[in-house]
Amino acid sequence: AALAAAQRKIAVCDGSKFTRTGLG
């Protein structure tokens, strides 16, 4: 819903998140 509401979408994360996959 946050993505749908926004004109610009920015994701933020440190490098460790690129080796992980969440359930959803």
PDBML (XML) file of the C-alpha atoms, coordinates in Angstrom:
<?xml version="1.0" encoding="UTF-8" ?>
<PDBx:datablock datablockName="MODEL"
   xmlns:PDBx="http://pdbml.pdb.org/schema/pdbx-v50.xsd"
   xmlns:xsi="http://www.w3.org/2001/XMLSchema-instance"
   xsi:schemaLocation="http://pdbml.pdb.org/schema/pdbx-v50.xsd pdbx-v50.xsd">
   <PDBx:atom_siteCategory>
      <PDBx:atom_site id="1">
         <PDBx:B_iso_or_equiv>0.00</PDBx:B_iso_or_equiv>
         <PDBx:Cartn_x>0.000</PDBx:Cartn_x>
         <PDBx:Cartn_y>0.000</PDBx:Cartn_y>
         <PDBx:Cartn_z>0.000</PDBx:Cartn_z>
         <PDBx:auth_asym_id>A</PDBx:auth_asym_id>
         <PDBx:auth_atom_id>CA</PDBx:auth_atom_id>
         <PDBx:auth_comp_id>ALA</PDBx:auth_comp_id>
         <PDBx:auth_seq_id>1</PDBx:auth_seq_id>
         <PDBx:group_PDB>ATOM</PDBx:group_PDB>
         <PDBx:label_alt_id xsi:nil="true" />
         <PDBx:label_asym_id>A</PDBx:label_asym_id>
         <PDBx:label_atom_id>CA</PDBx:label_atom_id>
         <PDBx:label_comp_id>ALA</PDBx:label_comp_id>
         <PDBx:label_entity_id>1</PDBx:label_entity_id>
         <PDBx:label_seq_id>1</PDBx:label_seq_id>
         <PDBx:occupancy>1.00</PDBx:occupancy>
         <PDBx:pdbx_PDB_model_num>1</PDBx:pdbx_PDB_model_num>
         <PDBx:type_symbol>C</PDBx:type_symbol>
      </PDBx:atom_site>
      <PDBx:atom_site id="2">
         <PDBx:B_iso_or_equiv>0.00</PDBx:B_iso_or_equiv>
         <PDBx:Cartn_x>2.899</PDBx:Cartn_x>
         <PDBx:Cartn_y>2.360</PDBx:Cartn_y>
         <PDBx:Cartn_z>0.724</PDBx:Cartn_z>
         <PDBx:auth_asym_id>A</PDBx:auth_asym_id>
         <PDBx:auth_atom_id>CA</PDBx:auth_atom_id>
         <PDBx:auth_comp_id>ALA</PDBx:auth_comp_id>
         <PDBx:auth_seq_id>2</PDBx:auth_seq_id>
         <PDBx:group_PDB>ATOM</PDBx:group_PDB>
         <PDBx:label_alt_id xsi:nil="true" />
         <PDBx:label_asym_id>A</PDBx:label_asym_id>
         <PDBx:label_atom_id>CA</PDBx:label_atom_id>
         <PDBx:label_comp_id>ALA</PDBx:label_comp_id>
         <PDBx:label_entity_id>1</PDBx:label_entity_id>
         <PDBx:label_seq_id>2</PDBx:label_seq_id>
         <PDBx:occupancy>1.00</PDBx:occupancy>
         <PDBx:pdbx_PDB_model_num>1</PDBx:pdbx_PDB_model_num>
         <PDBx:type_symbol>C</PDBx:type_symbol>
      </PDBx:atom_site>
      <PDBx:atom_site id="3">
         <PDBx:B_iso_or_equiv>0.00</PDBx:B_iso_or_equiv>
         <PDBx:Cartn_x>4.369</PDBx:Cartn_x>
         <PDBx:Cartn_y>1.615</PDBx:Cartn_y>
         <PDBx:Cartn_z>-2.707</PDBx:Cartn_z>
         <PDBx:auth_asym_id>A</PDBx:auth_asym_id>
         <PDBx:auth_atom_id>CA</PDBx:auth_atom_id>
         <PDBx:auth_comp_id>LEU</PDBx:auth_comp_id>
         <PDBx:auth_seq_id>3</PDBx:auth_seq_id>
         <PDBx:group_PDB>ATOM</PDBx:group_PDB>
         <PDBx:label_alt_id xsi:nil="true" />
         <PDBx:label_asym_id>A</PDBx:label_asym_id>
         <PDBx:label_atom_id>CA</PDBx:label_atom_id>
         <PDBx:label_comp_id>LEU</PDBx:label_comp_id>
         <PDBx:label_entity_id>1</PDBx:label_entity_id>
         <PDBx:label_seq_id>3</PDBx:label_seq_id>
         <PDBx:occupancy>1.00</PDBx:occupancy>
         <PDBx:pdbx_PDB_model_num>1</PDBx:pdbx_PDB_model_num>
         <PDBx:type_symbol>C</PDBx:type_symbol>
      </PDBx:atom_site>
      <PDBx:atom_site id="4">
         <PDBx:B_iso_or_equiv>0.00</PDBx:B_iso_or_equiv>
         <PDBx:Cartn_x>1.019</PDBx:Cartn_x>
         <PDBx:Cartn_y>2.199</PDBx:Cartn_y>
         <PDBx:Cartn_z>-4.406</PDBx:Cartn_z>
         <PDBx:auth_asym_id>A</PDBx:auth_asym_id>
         <PDBx:auth_atom_id>CA</PDBx:auth_atom_id>
         <PDBx:auth_comp_id>ALA</PDBx:auth_comp_id>
         <PDBx:auth_seq_id>4</PDBx:auth_seq_id>
         <PDBx:group_PDB>ATOM</PDBx:group_PDB>
         <PDBx:label_alt_id xsi:nil="true" />
         <PDBx:label_asym_id>A</PDBx:label_asym_id>
         <PDBx:label_atom_id>CA</PDBx:label_atom_id>
         <PDBx:label_comp_id>ALA</PDBx:label_comp_id>
         <PDBx:label_entity_id>1</PDBx:label_entity_id>
         <PDBx:label_seq_id>4</PDBx:label_seq_id>
         <PDBx:occupancy>1.00</PDBx:occupancy>
         <PDBx:pdbx_PDB_model_num>1</PDBx:pdbx_PDB_model_num>
         <PDBx:type_symbol>C</PDBx:type_symbol>
      </PDBx:atom_site>
      <PDBx:atom_site id="5">
         <PDBx:B_iso_or_equiv>0.00</PDBx:B_iso_or_equiv>
         <PDBx:Cartn_x>0.597</PDBx:Cartn_x>
         <PDBx:Cartn_y>5.564</PDBx:Cartn_y>
         <PDBx:Cartn_z>-2.663</PDBx:Cartn_z>
         <PDBx:auth_asym_id>A</PDBx:auth_asym_id>
         <PDBx:auth_atom_id>CA</PDBx:auth_atom_id>
         <PDBx:auth_comp_id>ALA</PDBx:auth_comp_id>
         <PDBx:auth_seq_id>5</PDBx:auth_seq_id>
         <PDBx:group_PDB>ATOM</PDBx:group_PDB>
         <PDBx:label_alt_id xsi:nil="true" />
         <PDBx:label_asym_id>A</PDBx:label_asym_id>
         <PDBx:label_atom_id>CA</PDBx:label_atom_id>
         <PDBx:label_comp_id>ALA</PDBx:label_comp_id>
         <PDBx:label_entity_id>1</PDBx:label_entity_id>
         <PDBx:label_seq_id>5</PDBx:label_seq_id>
         <PDBx:occupancy>1.00</PDBx:occupancy>
         <PDBx:pdbx_PDB_model_num>1</PDBx:pdbx_PDB_model_num>
         <PDBx:type_symbol>C</PDBx:type_symbol>
      </PDBx:atom_site>
      <PDBx:atom_site id="6">
         <PDBx:B_iso_or_equiv>0.00</PDBx:B_iso_or_equiv>
         <PDBx:Cartn_x>4.008</PDBx:Cartn_x>
         <PDBx:Cartn_y>6.967</PDBx:Cartn_y>
         <PDBx:Cartn_z>-3.612</PDBx:Cartn_z>
         <PDBx:auth_asym_id>A</PDBx:auth_asym_id>
         <PDBx:auth_atom_id>CA</PDBx:auth_atom_id>
         <PDBx:auth_comp_id>ALA</PDBx:auth_comp_id>
         <PDBx:auth_seq_id>6</PDBx:auth_seq_id>
         <PDBx:group_PDB>ATOM</PDBx:group_PDB>
         <PDBx:label_alt_id xsi:nil="true" />
         <PDBx:label_asym_id>A</PDBx:label_asym_id>
         <PDBx:label_atom_id>CA</PDBx:label_atom_id>
         <PDBx:label_comp_id>ALA</PDBx:label_comp_id>
         <PDBx:label_entity_id>1</PDBx:label_entity_id>
         <PDBx:label_seq_id>6</PDBx:label_seq_id>
         <PDBx:occupancy>1.00</PDBx:occupancy>
         <PDBx:pdbx_PDB_model_num>1</PDBx:pdbx_PDB_model_num>
         <PDBx:type_symbol>C</PDBx:type_symbol>
      </PDBx:atom_site>
      <PDBx:atom_site id="7">
         <PDBx:B_iso_or_equiv>0.00</PDBx:B_iso_or_equiv>
         <PDBx:Cartn_x>5.273</PDBx:Cartn_x>
         <PDBx:Cartn_y>8.670</PDBx:Cartn_y>
         <PDBx:Cartn_z>-6.746</PDBx:Cartn_z>
         <PDBx:auth_asym_id>A</PDBx:auth_asym_id>
         <PDBx:auth_atom_id>CA</PDBx:auth_atom_id>
         <PDBx:auth_comp_id>GLN</PDBx:auth_comp_id>
         <PDBx:auth_seq_id>7</PDBx:auth_seq_id>
         <PDBx:group_PDB>ATOM</PDBx:group_PDB>
         <PDBx:label_alt_id xsi:nil="true" />
         <PDBx:label_asym_id>A</PDBx:label_asym_id>
         <PDBx:label_atom_id>CA</PDBx:label_atom_id>
         <PDBx:label_comp_id>GLN</PDBx:label_comp_id>
         <PDBx:label_entity_id>1</PDBx:label_entity_id>
         <PDBx:label_seq_id>7</PDBx:label_seq_id>
         <PDBx:occupancy>1.00</PDBx:occupancy>
         <PDBx:pdbx_PDB_model_num>1</PDBx:pdbx_PDB_model_num>
         <PDBx:type_symbol>C</PDBx:type_symbol>
      </PDBx:atom_site>
      <PDBx:atom_site id="8">
         <PDBx:B_iso_or_equiv>0.00</PDBx:B_iso_or_equiv>
         <PDBx:Cartn_x>8.876</PDBx:Cartn_x>
         <PDBx:Cartn_y>7.721</PDBx:Cartn_y>
         <PDBx:Cartn_z>-5.878</PDBx:Cartn_z>
         <PDBx:auth_asym_id>A</PDBx:auth_asym_id>
         <PDBx:auth_atom_id>CA</PDBx:auth_atom_id>
         <PDBx:auth_comp_id>ARG</PDBx:auth_comp_id>
         <PDBx:auth_seq_id>8</PDBx:auth_seq_id>
         <PDBx:group_PDB>ATOM</PDBx:group_PDB>
         <PDBx:label_alt_id xsi:nil="true" />
         <PDBx:label_asym_id>A</PDBx:label_asym_id>
         <PDBx:label_atom_id>CA</PDBx:label_atom_id>
         <PDBx:label_comp_id>ARG</PDBx:label_comp_id>
         <PDBx:label_entity_id>1</PDBx:label_entity_id>
         <PDBx:label_seq_id>8</PDBx:label_seq_id>
         <PDBx:occupancy>1.00</PDBx:occupancy>
         <PDBx:pdbx_PDB_model_num>1</PDBx:pdbx_PDB_model_num>
         <PDBx:type_symbol>C</PDBx:type_symbol>
      </PDBx:atom_site>
      <PDBx:atom_site id="9">
         <PDBx:B_iso_or_equiv>0.00</PDBx:B_iso_or_equiv>
         <PDBx:Cartn_x>9.883</PDBx:Cartn_x>
         <PDBx:Cartn_y>4.472</PDBx:Cartn_y>
         <PDBx:Cartn_z>-4.170</PDBx:Cartn_z>
         <PDBx:auth_asym_id>A</PDBx:auth_asym_id>
         <PDBx:auth_atom_id>CA</PDBx:auth_atom_id>
         <PDBx:auth_comp_id>LYS</PDBx:auth_comp_id>
         <PDBx:auth_seq_id>9</PDBx:auth_seq_id>
         <PDBx:group_PDB>ATOM</PDBx:group_PDB>
         <PDBx:label_alt_id xsi:nil="true" />
         <PDBx:label_asym_id>A</PDBx:label_asym_id>
         <PDBx:label_atom_id>CA</PDBx:label_atom_id>
         <PDBx:label_comp_id>LYS</PDBx:label_comp_id>
         <PDBx:label_entity_id>1</PDBx:label_entity_id>
         <PDBx:label_seq_id>9</PDBx:label_seq_id>
         <PDBx:occupancy>1.00</PDBx:occupancy>
         <PDBx:pdbx_PDB_model_num>1</PDBx:pdbx_PDB_model_num>
         <PDBx:type_symbol>C</PDBx:type_symbol>
      </PDBx:atom_site>
      <PDBx:atom_site id="10">
         <PDBx:B_iso_or_equiv>0.00</PDBx:B_iso_or_equiv>
         <PDBx:Cartn_x>13.212</PDBx:Cartn_x>
         <PDBx:Cartn_y>4.207</PDBx:Cartn_y>
         <PDBx:Cartn_z>-2.353</PDBx:Cartn_z>
         <PDBx:auth_asym_id>A</PDBx:auth_asym_id>
         <PDBx:auth_atom_id>CA</PDBx:auth_atom_id>
         <PDBx:auth_comp_id>ILE</PDBx:auth_comp_id>
         <PDBx:auth_seq_id>10</PDBx:auth_seq_id>
         <PDBx:group_PDB>ATOM</PDBx:group_PDB>
         <PDBx:label_alt_id xsi:nil="true" />
         <PDBx:label_asym_id>A</PDBx:label_asym_id>
         <PDBx:label_atom_id>CA</PDBx:label_atom_id>
         <PDBx:label_comp_id>ILE</PDBx:label_comp_id>
         <PDBx:label_entity_id>1</PDBx:label_entity_id>
         <PDBx:label_seq_id>10</PDBx:label_seq_id>
         <PDBx:occupancy>1.00</PDBx:occupancy>
         <PDBx:pdbx_PDB_model_num>1</PDBx:pdbx_PDB_model_num>
         <PDBx:type_symbol>C</PDBx:type_symbol>
      </PDBx:atom_site>
      <PDBx:atom_site id="11">
         <PDBx:B_iso_or_equiv>0.00</PDBx:B_iso_or_equiv>
         <PDBx:Cartn_x>14.394</PDBx:Cartn_x>
         <PDBx:Cartn_y>1.040</PDBx:Cartn_y>
         <PDBx:Cartn_z>-0.602</PDBx:Cartn_z>
         <PDBx:auth_asym_id>A</PDBx:auth_asym_id>
         <PDBx:auth_atom_id>CA</PDBx:auth_atom_id>
         <PDBx:auth_comp_id>ALA</PDBx:auth_comp_id>
         <PDBx:auth_seq_id>11</PDBx:auth_seq_id>
         <PDBx:group_PDB>ATOM</PDBx:group_PDB>
         <PDBx:label_alt_id xsi:nil="true" />
         <PDBx:label_asym_id>A</PDBx:label_asym_id>
         <PDBx:label_atom_id>CA</PDBx:label_atom_id>
         <PDBx:label_comp_id>ALA</PDBx:label_comp_id>
         <PDBx:label_entity_id>1</PDBx:label_entity_id>
         <PDBx:label_seq_id>11</PDBx:label_seq_id>
         <PDBx:occupancy>1.00</PDBx:occupancy>
         <PDBx:pdbx_PDB_model_num>1</PDBx:pdbx_PDB_model_num>
         <PDBx:type_symbol>C</PDBx:type_symbol>
      </PDBx:atom_site>
      <PDBx:atom_site id="12">
         <PDBx:B_iso_or_equiv>0.00</PDBx:B_iso_or_equiv>
         <PDBx:Cartn_x>17.065</PDBx:Cartn_x>
         <PDBx:Cartn_y>1.306</PDBx:Cartn_y>
         <PDBx:Cartn_z>2.092</PDBx:Cartn_z>
         <PDBx:auth_asym_id>A</PDBx:auth_asym_id>
         <PDBx:auth_atom_id>CA</PDBx:auth_atom_id>
         <PDBx:auth_comp_id>VAL</PDBx:auth_comp_id>
         <PDBx:auth_seq_id>12</PDBx:auth_seq_id>
         <PDBx:group_PDB>ATOM</PDBx:group_PDB>
         <PDBx:label_alt_id xsi:nil="true" />
         <PDBx:label_asym_id>A</PDBx:label_asym_id>
         <PDBx:label_atom_id>CA</PDBx:label_atom_id>
         <PDBx:label_comp_id>VAL</PDBx:label_comp_id>
         <PDBx:label_entity_id>1</PDBx:label_entity_id>
         <PDBx:label_seq_id>12</PDBx:label_seq_id>
         <PDBx:occupancy>1.00</PDBx:occupancy>
         <PDBx:pdbx_PDB_model_num>1</PDBx:pdbx_PDB_model_num>
         <PDBx:type_symbol>C</PDBx:type_symbol>
      </PDBx:atom_site>
      <PDBx:atom_site id="13">
         <PDBx:B_iso_or_equiv>0.00</PDBx:B_iso_or_equiv>
         <PDBx:Cartn_x>19.229</PDBx:Cartn_x>
         <PDBx:Cartn_y>-1.502</PDBx:Cartn_y>
         <PDBx:Cartn_z>3.460</PDBx:Cartn_z>
         <PDBx:auth_asym_id>A</PDBx:auth_asym_id>
         <PDBx:auth_atom_id>CA</PDBx:auth_atom_id>
         <PDBx:auth_comp_id>CYS</PDBx:auth_comp_id>
         <PDBx:auth_seq_id>13</PDBx:auth_seq_id>
         <PDBx:group_PDB>ATOM</PDBx:group_PDB>
         <PDBx:label_alt_id xsi:nil="true" />
         <PDBx:label_asym_id>A</PDBx:label_asym_id>
         <PDBx:label_atom_id>CA</PDBx:label_atom_id>
         <PDBx:label_comp_id>CYS</PDBx:label_comp_id>
         <PDBx:label_entity_id>1</PDBx:label_entity_id>
         <PDBx:label_seq_id>13</PDBx:label_seq_id>
         <PDBx:occupancy>1.00</PDBx:occupancy>
         <PDBx:pdbx_PDB_model_num>1</PDBx:pdbx_PDB_model_num>
         <PDBx:type_symbol>C</PDBx:type_symbol>
      </PDBx:atom_site>
      <PDBx:atom_site id="14">
         <PDBx:B_iso_or_equiv>0.00</PDBx:B_iso_or_equiv>
         <PDBx:Cartn_x>22.768</PDBx:Cartn_x>
         <PDBx:Cartn_y>-2.467</PDBx:Cartn_y>
         <PDBx:Cartn_z>4.375</PDBx:Cartn_z>
         <PDBx:auth_asym_id>A</PDBx:auth_asym_id>
         <PDBx:auth_atom_id>CA</PDBx:auth_atom_id>
         <PDBx:auth_comp_id>ASP</PDBx:auth_comp_id>
         <PDBx:auth_seq_id>14</PDBx:auth_seq_id>
         <PDBx:group_PDB>ATOM</PDBx:group_PDB>
         <PDBx:label_alt_id xsi:nil="true" />
         <PDBx:label_asym_id>A</PDBx:label_asym_id>
         <PDBx:label_atom_id>CA</PDBx:label_atom_id>
         <PDBx:label_comp_id>ASP</PDBx:label_comp_id>
         <PDBx:label_entity_id>1</PDBx:label_entity_id>
         <PDBx:label_seq_id>14</PDBx:label_seq_id>
         <PDBx:occupancy>1.00</PDBx:occupancy>
         <PDBx:pdbx_PDB_model_num>1</PDBx:pdbx_PDB_model_num>
         <PDBx:type_symbol>C</PDBx:type_symbol>
      </PDBx:atom_site>
      <PDBx:atom_site id="15">
         <PDBx:B_iso_or_equiv>0.00</PDBx:B_iso_or_equiv>
         <PDBx:Cartn_x>24.633</PDBx:Cartn_x>
         <PDBx:Cartn_y>-4.976</PDBx:Cartn_y>
         <PDBx:Cartn_z>2.220</PDBx:Cartn_z>
         <PDBx:auth_asym_id>A</PDBx:auth_asym_id>
         <PDBx:auth_atom_id>CA</PDBx:auth_atom_id>
         <PDBx:auth_comp_id>GLY</PDBx:auth_comp_id>
         <PDBx:auth_seq_id>15</PDBx:auth_seq_id>
         <PDBx:group_PDB>ATOM</PDBx:group_PDB>
         <PDBx:label_alt_id xsi:nil="true" />
         <PDBx:label_asym_id>A</PDBx:label_asym_id>
         <PDBx:label_atom_id>CA</PDBx:label_atom_id>
         <PDBx:label_comp_id>GLY</PDBx:label_comp_id>
         <PDBx:label_entity_id>1</PDBx:label_entity_id>
         <PDBx:label_seq_id>15</PDBx:label_seq_id>
         <PDBx:occupancy>1.00</PDBx:occupancy>
         <PDBx:pdbx_PDB_model_num>1</PDBx:pdbx_PDB_model_num>
         <PDBx:type_symbol>C</PDBx:type_symbol>
      </PDBx:atom_site>
      <PDBx:atom_site id="16">
         <PDBx:B_iso_or_equiv>0.00</PDBx:B_iso_or_equiv>
         <PDBx:Cartn_x>23.694</PDBx:Cartn_x>
         <PDBx:Cartn_y>-8.026</PDBx:Cartn_y>
         <PDBx:Cartn_z>4.295</PDBx:Cartn_z>
         <PDBx:auth_asym_id>A</PDBx:auth_asym_id>
         <PDBx:auth_atom_id>CA</PDBx:auth_atom_id>
         <PDBx:auth_comp_id>SER</PDBx:auth_comp_id>
         <PDBx:auth_seq_id>16</PDBx:auth_seq_id>
         <PDBx:group_PDB>ATOM</PDBx:group_PDB>
         <PDBx:label_alt_id xsi:nil="true" />
         <PDBx:label_asym_id>A</PDBx:label_asym_id>
         <PDBx:label_atom_id>CA</PDBx:label_atom_id>
         <PDBx:label_comp_id>SER</PDBx:label_comp_id>
         <PDBx:label_entity_id>1</PDBx:label_entity_id>
         <PDBx:label_seq_id>16</PDBx:label_seq_id>
         <PDBx:occupancy>1.00</PDBx:occupancy>
         <PDBx:pdbx_PDB_model_num>1</PDBx:pdbx_PDB_model_num>
         <PDBx:type_symbol>C</PDBx:type_symbol>
      </PDBx:atom_site>
      <PDBx:atom_site id="17">
         <PDBx:B_iso_or_equiv>0.00</PDBx:B_iso_or_equiv>
         <PDBx:Cartn_x>20.085</PDBx:Cartn_x>
         <PDBx:Cartn_y>-7.896</PDBx:Cartn_y>
         <PDBx:Cartn_z>3.068</PDBx:Cartn_z>
         <PDBx:auth_asym_id>A</PDBx:auth_asym_id>
         <PDBx:auth_atom_id>CA</PDBx:auth_atom_id>
         <PDBx:auth_comp_id>LYS</PDBx:auth_comp_id>
         <PDBx:auth_seq_id>17</PDBx:auth_seq_id>
         <PDBx:group_PDB>ATOM</PDBx:group_PDB>
         <PDBx:label_alt_id xsi:nil="true" />
         <PDBx:label_asym_id>A</PDBx:label_asym_id>
         <PDBx:label_atom_id>CA</PDBx:label_atom_id>
         <PDBx:label_comp_id>LYS</PDBx:label_comp_id>
         <PDBx:label_entity_id>1</PDBx:label_entity_id>
         <PDBx:label_seq_id>17</PDBx:label_seq_id>
         <PDBx:occupancy>1.00</PDBx:occupancy>
         <PDBx:pdbx_PDB_model_num>1</PDBx:pdbx_PDB_model_num>
         <PDBx:type_symbol>C</PDBx:type_symbol>
      </PDBx:atom_site>
      <PDBx:atom_site id="18">
         <PDBx:B_iso_or_equiv>0.00</PDBx:B_iso_or_equiv>
         <PDBx:Cartn_x>21.113</PDBx:Cartn_x>
         <PDBx:Cartn_y>-8.887</PDBx:Cartn_y>
         <PDBx:Cartn_z>-0.474</PDBx:Cartn_z>
         <PDBx:auth_asym_id>A</PDBx:auth_asym_id>
         <PDBx:auth_atom_id>CA</PDBx:auth_atom_id>
         <PDBx:auth_comp_id>PHE</PDBx:auth_comp_id>
         <PDBx:auth_seq_id>18</PDBx:auth_seq_id>
         <PDBx:group_PDB>ATOM</PDBx:group_PDB>
         <PDBx:label_alt_id xsi:nil="true" />
         <PDBx:label_asym_id>A</PDBx:label_asym_id>
         <PDBx:label_atom_id>CA</PDBx:label_atom_id>
         <PDBx:label_comp_id>PHE</PDBx:label_comp_id>
         <PDBx:label_entity_id>1</PDBx:label_entity_id>
         <PDBx:label_seq_id>18</PDBx:label_seq_id>
         <PDBx:occupancy>1.00</PDBx:occupancy>
         <PDBx:pdbx_PDB_model_num>1</PDBx:pdbx_PDB_model_num>
         <PDBx:type_symbol>C</PDBx:type_symbol>
      </PDBx:atom_site>
      <PDBx:atom_site id="19">
         <PDBx:B_iso_or_equiv>0.00</PDBx:B_iso_or_equiv>
         <PDBx:Cartn_x>21.989</PDBx:Cartn_x>
         <PDBx:Cartn_y>-12.385</PDBx:Cartn_y>
         <PDBx:Cartn_z>0.761</PDBx:Cartn_z>
         <PDBx:auth_asym_id>A</PDBx:auth_asym_id>
         <PDBx:auth_atom_id>CA</PDBx:auth_atom_id>
         <PDBx:auth_comp_id>THR</PDBx:auth_comp_id>
         <PDBx:auth_seq_id>19</PDBx:auth_seq_id>
         <PDBx:group_PDB>ATOM</PDBx:group_PDB>
         <PDBx:label_alt_id xsi:nil="true" />
         <PDBx:label_asym_id>A</PDBx:label_asym_id>
         <PDBx:label_atom_id>CA</PDBx:label_atom_id>
         <PDBx:label_comp_id>THR</PDBx:label_comp_id>
         <PDBx:label_entity_id>1</PDBx:label_entity_id>
         <PDBx:label_seq_id>19</PDBx:label_seq_id>
         <PDBx:occupancy>1.00</PDBx:occupancy>
         <PDBx:pdbx_PDB_model_num>1</PDBx:pdbx_PDB_model_num>
         <PDBx:type_symbol>C</PDBx:type_symbol>
      </PDBx:atom_site>
      <PDBx:atom_site id="20">
         <PDBx:B_iso_or_equiv>0.00</PDBx:B_iso_or_equiv>
         <PDBx:Cartn_x>18.648</PDBx:Cartn_x>
         <PDBx:Cartn_y>-12.930</PDBx:Cartn_y>
         <PDBx:Cartn_z>2.524</PDBx:Cartn_z>
         <PDBx:auth_asym_id>A</PDBx:auth_asym_id>
         <PDBx:auth_atom_id>CA</PDBx:auth_atom_id>
         <PDBx:auth_comp_id>ARG</PDBx:auth_comp_id>
         <PDBx:auth_seq_id>20</PDBx:auth_seq_id>
         <PDBx:group_PDB>ATOM</PDBx:group_PDB>
         <PDBx:label_alt_id xsi:nil="true" />
         <PDBx:label_asym_id>A</PDBx:label_asym_id>
         <PDBx:label_atom_id>CA</PDBx:label_atom_id>
         <PDBx:label_comp_id>ARG</PDBx:label_comp_id>
         <PDBx:label_entity_id>1</PDBx:label_entity_id>
         <PDBx:label_seq_id>20</PDBx:label_seq_id>
         <PDBx:occupancy>1.00</PDBx:occupancy>
         <PDBx:pdbx_PDB_model_num>1</PDBx:pdbx_PDB_model_num>
         <PDBx:type_symbol>C</PDBx:type_symbol>
      </PDBx:atom_site>
      <PDBx:atom_site id="21">
         <PDBx:B_iso_or_equiv>0.00</PDBx:B_iso_or_equiv>
         <PDBx:Cartn_x>15.110</PDBx:Cartn_x>
         <PDBx:Cartn_y>-13.700</PDBx:Cartn_y>
         <PDBx:Cartn_z>1.420</PDBx:Cartn_z>
         <PDBx:auth_asym_id>A</PDBx:auth_asym_id>
         <PDBx:auth_atom_id>CA</PDBx:auth_atom_id>
         <PDBx:auth_comp_id>THR</PDBx:auth_comp_id>
         <PDBx:auth_seq_id>21</PDBx:auth_seq_id>
         <PDBx:group_PDB>ATOM</PDBx:group_PDB>
         <PDBx:label_alt_id xsi:nil="true" />
         <PDBx:label_asym_id>A</PDBx:label_asym_id>
         <PDBx:label_atom_id>CA</PDBx:label_atom_id>
         <PDBx:label_comp_id>THR</PDBx:label_comp_id>
         <PDBx:label_entity_id>1</PDBx:label_entity_id>
         <PDBx:label_seq_id>21</PDBx:label_seq_id>
         <PDBx:occupancy>1.00</PDBx:occupancy>
         <PDBx:pdbx_PDB_model_num>1</PDBx:pdbx_PDB_model_num>
         <PDBx:type_symbol>C</PDBx:type_symbol>
      </PDBx:atom_site>
      <PDBx:atom_site id="22">
         <PDBx:B_iso_or_equiv>0.00</PDBx:B_iso_or_equiv>
         <PDBx:Cartn_x>12.066</PDBx:Cartn_x>
         <PDBx:Cartn_y>-13.148</PDBx:Cartn_y>
         <PDBx:Cartn_z>3.608</PDBx:Cartn_z>
         <PDBx:auth_asym_id>A</PDBx:auth_asym_id>
         <PDBx:auth_atom_id>CA</PDBx:auth_atom_id>
         <PDBx:auth_comp_id>GLY</PDBx:auth_comp_id>
         <PDBx:auth_seq_id>22</PDBx:auth_seq_id>
         <PDBx:group_PDB>ATOM</PDBx:group_PDB>
         <PDBx:label_alt_id xsi:nil="true" />
         <PDBx:label_asym_id>A</PDBx:label_asym_id>
         <PDBx:label_atom_id>CA</PDBx:label_atom_id>
         <PDBx:label_comp_id>GLY</PDBx:label_comp_id>
         <PDBx:label_entity_id>1</PDBx:label_entity_id>
         <PDBx:label_seq_id>22</PDBx:label_seq_id>
         <PDBx:occupancy>1.00</PDBx:occupancy>
         <PDBx:pdbx_PDB_model_num>1</PDBx:pdbx_PDB_model_num>
         <PDBx:type_symbol>C</PDBx:type_symbol>
      </PDBx:atom_site>
      <PDBx:atom_site id="23">
         <PDBx:B_iso_or_equiv>0.00</PDBx:B_iso_or_equiv>
         <PDBx:Cartn_x>8.963</PDBx:Cartn_x>
         <PDBx:Cartn_y>-15.319</PDBx:Cartn_y>
         <PDBx:Cartn_z>3.588</PDBx:Cartn_z>
         <PDBx:auth_asym_id>A</PDBx:auth_asym_id>
         <PDBx:auth_atom_id>CA</PDBx:auth_atom_id>
         <PDBx:auth_comp_id>LEU</PDBx:auth_comp_id>
         <PDBx:auth_seq_id>23</PDBx:auth_seq_id>
         <PDBx:group_PDB>ATOM</PDBx:group_PDB>
         <PDBx:label_alt_id xsi:nil="true" />
         <PDBx:label_asym_id>A</PDBx:label_asym_id>
         <PDBx:label_atom_id>CA</PDBx:label_atom_id>
         <PDBx:label_comp_id>LEU</PDBx:label_comp_id>
         <PDBx:label_entity_id>1</PDBx:label_entity_id>
         <PDBx:label_seq_id>23</PDBx:label_seq_id>
         <PDBx:occupancy>1.00</PDBx:occupancy>
         <PDBx:pdbx_PDB_model_num>1</PDBx:pdbx_PDB_model_num>
         <PDBx:type_symbol>C</PDBx:type_symbol>
      </PDBx:atom_site>
      <PDBx:atom_site id="24">
         <PDBx:B_iso_or_equiv>0.00</PDBx:B_iso_or_equiv>
         <PDBx:Cartn_x>6.604</PDBx:Cartn_x>
         <PDBx:Cartn_y>-12.729</PDBx:Cartn_y>
         <PDBx:Cartn_z>2.096</PDBx:Cartn_z>
         <PDBx:auth_asym_id>A</PDBx:auth_asym_id>
         <PDBx:auth_atom_id>CA</PDBx:auth_atom_id>
         <PDBx:auth_comp_id>GLY</PDBx:auth_comp_id>
         <PDBx:auth_seq_id>24</PDBx:auth_seq_id>
         <PDBx:group_PDB>ATOM</PDBx:group_PDB>
         <PDBx:label_alt_id xsi:nil="true" />
         <PDBx:label_asym_id>A</PDBx:label_asym_id>
         <PDBx:label_atom_id>CA</PDBx:label_atom_id>
         <PDBx:label_comp_id>GLY</PDBx:label_comp_id>
         <PDBx:label_entity_id>1</PDBx:label_entity_id>
         <PDBx:label_seq_id>24</PDBx:label_seq_id>
         <PDBx:occupancy>1.00</PDBx:occupancy>
         <PDBx:pdbx_PDB_model_num>1</PDBx:pdbx_PDB_model_num>
         <PDBx:type_symbol>C</PDBx:type_symbol>
      </PDBx:atom_site>
   </PDBx:atom_siteCategory>
</PDBx:datablock>
